[in-house]
Amino acid sequence: MRNIILTLAAFGLATTFALSFGANAAVKNISNQDAQQMQAMGSVSVSHVGGSPMAIRSELAHKAEKEGANGYLITELHQGSNWHATAQLYK
C-alpha cells in the first residue's frame, strides 16, 4: 500500500511539472531569423525581476502566452539592481 501511495505522489509531481513546463515551452524565445518567418503582433515588457536571465525569460514567456503569441524576440535587456526587458511578440 505504501508503494502505491509513493507511486501516486511521484506521478502527481511529474504531471504537475510536465504541465507547467509545457505551458512555458509553447511560447519560446526566437531568433532574428525565426522572426522573419513570423508575423509581428506587438510587444511586452517586464521590470523589477530579480534573479537570473531565466527568470526574465520565464516572465516574458508568461506575458507572451497571455497575449496569444507563439514566440518572442528580446529587443531590450538591462540589468541594474533588477532586470528589465522588452520583447517583440510573434505569431
Protein backbone atom coordinates (compact mmCIF):
# COMPACT_ATOMS: atom_id res chain seq x y z
CA MET A 1 0.00 0.00 0.00
CA ARG A 2 2.83 2.40 0.86
CA ASN A 3 4.43 1.79 -2.55
CA ILE A 4 1.16 2.65 -4.28
CA ILE A 5 0.90 5.92 -2.34
CA LEU A 6 4.51 6.85 -3.16
CA THR A 7 3.95 5.97 -6.82
CA LEU A 8 0.82 8.11 -6.99
CA ALA A 9 2.58 11.02 -5.28
CA ALA A 10 5.54 10.79 -7.68
CA PHE A 11 3.16 10.63 -10.65
CA GLY A 12 1.30 13.69 -9.39
CA LEU A 13 4.53 15.68 -9.06
CA ALA A 14 5.71 14.58 -12.50
CA THR A 15 2.37 15.55 -14.05
CA THR A 16 2.43 18.97 -12.40
CA PHE A 17 6.00 19.55 -13.62
CA ALA A 18 5.12 18.44 -17.16
CA LEU A 19 2.06 20.70 -17.30
CA SER A 20 3.92 23.76 -16.04
CA PHE A 21 6.86 23.07 -18.35
CA GLY A 22 4.52 22.53 -21.29
CA ALA A 23 2.84 25.89 -20.76
CA ASN A 24 6.14 27.75 -20.95
CA ALA A 25 7.52 25.56 -23.72
CA ALA A 26 4.70 26.61 -26.06
CA VAL A 27 5.99 30.21 -26.20
CA LYS A 28 9.72 30.43 -26.74
CA ASN A 29 12.47 32.95 -27.25
CA ILE A 30 13.09 33.02 -31.03
CA SER A 31 15.98 34.16 -33.20
CA ASN A 32 16.01 37.08 -35.66
CA GLN A 33 15.88 34.52 -38.48
CA ASP A 34 12.78 32.85 -36.98
CA ALA A 35 11.12 36.26 -36.52
CA GLN A 36 11.44 36.97 -40.25
CA GLN A 37 9.21 33.97 -40.94
CA MET A 38 6.53 35.06 -38.46
CA GLN A 39 4.00 37.88 -38.09
CA ALA A 40 4.74 40.62 -35.51
CA MET A 41 1.88 41.29 -33.10
CA GLY A 42 3.01 43.86 -30.55
CA SER A 43 5.39 43.91 -27.62
CA VAL A 44 5.58 43.29 -23.89
CA SER A 45 7.97 44.37 -21.18
CA VAL A 46 8.83 43.25 -17.68
CA SER A 47 10.58 45.21 -14.93
CA HIS A 48 11.87 44.69 -11.43
CA VAL A 49 12.57 40.99 -11.97
CA GLY A 50 15.17 39.64 -9.58
CA GLY A 51 17.24 36.54 -10.13
CA SER A 52 18.73 35.16 -13.30
CA PRO A 53 18.19 35.61 -17.05
CA MET A 54 15.98 32.50 -16.86
CA ALA A 55 13.61 34.42 -14.58
CA ILE A 56 13.27 37.21 -17.15
CA ARG A 57 12.64 34.69 -19.94
CA SER A 58 10.00 32.99 -17.84
CA GLU A 59 8.22 36.30 -17.19
CA LEU A 60 8.36 37.24 -20.89
CA ALA A 61 7.08 33.81 -21.94
CA HIS A 62 4.20 34.11 -19.49
CA LYS A 63 3.19 37.55 -20.81
CA ALA A 64 3.62 36.42 -24.43
CA GLU A 65 1.41 33.40 -23.80
CA LYS A 66 -1.30 35.61 -22.28
CA GLU A 67 -1.22 37.71 -25.47
CA GLY A 68 -1.57 34.62 -27.69
CA ALA A 69 1.94 34.75 -29.15
CA ASN A 70 3.89 31.73 -30.39
CA GLY A 71 7.27 33.32 -29.80
CA TYR A 72 9.07 36.44 -28.61
CA LEU A 73 12.30 38.20 -29.54
CA ILE A 74 14.07 40.18 -26.82
CA THR A 75 14.75 43.68 -28.12
CA GLU A 76 15.95 45.36 -24.92
CA LEU A 77 17.62 43.94 -21.82
CA HIS A 78 19.05 45.88 -18.86
CA GLN A 79 20.40 44.74 -15.54
CA GLY A 80 20.75 47.07 -12.60
CA SER A 81 19.58 46.04 -9.16
CA ASN A 82 16.82 44.14 -11.04
CA TRP A 83 16.26 43.04 -14.64
CA HIS A 84 14.19 44.92 -17.23
CA ALA A 85 13.41 43.53 -20.69
CA THR A 86 11.24 44.31 -23.69
CA ALA A 87 10.30 41.76 -26.33
CA GLN A 88 8.54 41.80 -29.69
CA LEU A 89 5.76 39.19 -29.94
CA TYR A 90 5.23 36.97 -32.98
CA LYS A 91 2.62 34.56 -34.31
